[in-house]
Amino acid sequence: MVAKLIDEAAIKLGSFSTAFYNIQDQVVALVRMLKAWANKEYTDISPKAIVAVVATLIYFVNPFDLIPISFQ
């Protein structure tokens, strides 16, 4: 599951316009950190941080609205 998320995030990285390049480095860093954690190469990270990284990448891959505009 983590590997699929990493793959989808990497694919999505290549499909953005120049406006995205402002945050591209941060997204790449998150993908690399999650991949290293999944491969047990980097374990000095809290479970809360891993949950935050996974949630961020899930939202990046599939940006759903938690509070739709129609309810605001």
Protein backbone atom coordinates (compact mmCIF):
# COMPACT_ATOMS: atom_id res chain seq x y z
CA MET A 1 0.00 0.00 0.00
CA VAL A 2 2.81 2.43 0.88
CA ALA A 3 4.67 1.49 -2.31
CA LYS A 4 1.57 2.21 -4.41
CA LEU A 5 1.13 5.60 -2.71
CA ILE A 6 4.79 6.44 -3.37
CA ASP A 7 4.42 5.43 -7.04
CA GLU A 8 1.24 7.47 -7.50
CA ALA A 9 2.80 10.53 -5.87
CA ALA A 10 5.87 10.24 -8.11
CA ILE A 11 3.71 9.95 -11.22
CA LYS A 12 1.64 12.95 -10.20
CA LEU A 13 4.81 15.00 -9.63
CA GLY A 14 5.52 14.86 -13.35
CA SER A 15 2.10 16.13 -14.40
CA PHE A 16 2.05 19.63 -12.89
CA SER A 17 2.55 23.07 -14.35
CA THR A 18 5.30 25.48 -13.44
CA ALA A 19 3.24 26.84 -10.51
CA PHE A 20 3.74 23.52 -8.75
CA TYR A 21 7.53 23.74 -8.81
CA ASN A 22 7.44 26.02 -5.75
CA ILE A 23 6.58 23.02 -3.56
CA GLN A 24 8.02 20.20 -5.66
CA ASP A 25 11.14 19.80 -3.52
CA GLN A 26 9.08 19.36 -0.36
CA VAL A 27 6.85 16.72 -1.95
CA VAL A 28 9.89 14.86 -3.30
CA ALA A 29 11.41 14.95 0.20
CA LEU A 30 8.22 13.47 1.69
CA VAL A 31 8.19 10.68 -0.90
CA ARG A 32 11.87 9.88 -0.27
CA MET A 33 11.38 9.91 3.51
CA LEU A 34 8.38 7.58 3.32
CA LYS A 35 10.20 5.24 0.97
CA ALA A 36 13.24 5.12 3.28
CA TRP A 37 10.98 4.48 6.27
CA ALA A 38 9.12 1.70 4.41
CA ASN A 39 12.46 0.07 3.53
CA LYS A 40 13.62 0.43 7.18
CA GLU A 41 16.51 2.64 6.07
CA TYR A 42 15.24 5.57 8.16
CA THR A 43 13.60 4.74 11.47
CA ASP A 44 14.30 7.87 13.52
CA ILE A 45 10.81 9.25 12.99
CA SER A 46 7.72 9.20 15.19
CA PRO A 47 4.57 7.30 14.23
CA LYS A 48 2.68 10.62 14.28
CA ALA A 49 5.05 12.05 11.69
CA ILE A 50 4.62 9.00 9.44
CA VAL A 51 0.83 9.34 9.69
CA ALA A 52 1.14 13.03 8.75
CA VAL A 53 3.39 12.22 5.77
CA VAL A 54 1.02 9.50 4.53
CA ALA A 55 -2.01 11.78 4.96
CA THR A 56 -0.25 14.57 3.09
CA LEU A 57 0.70 12.31 0.19
CA ILE A 58 -2.80 10.80 0.03
CA TYR A 59 -4.24 14.31 -0.20
CA PHE A 60 -1.62 15.19 -2.82
CA VAL A 61 -2.54 12.16 -4.94
CA ASN A 62 -6.31 12.54 -4.42
CA PRO A 63 -7.21 16.08 -3.26
CA PHE A 64 -10.67 15.60 -1.77
CA ASP A 65 -12.31 18.36 0.22
CA LEU A 66 -12.91 17.60 3.86
CA ILE A 67 -15.34 20.52 4.03
CA PRO A 68 -16.95 21.05 0.63
CA ILE A 69 -17.53 24.64 -0.45
CA SER A 70 -21.31 24.10 -0.50
CA PHE A 71 -21.28 23.58 3.30
CA GLN A 72 -19.28 26.68 4.19
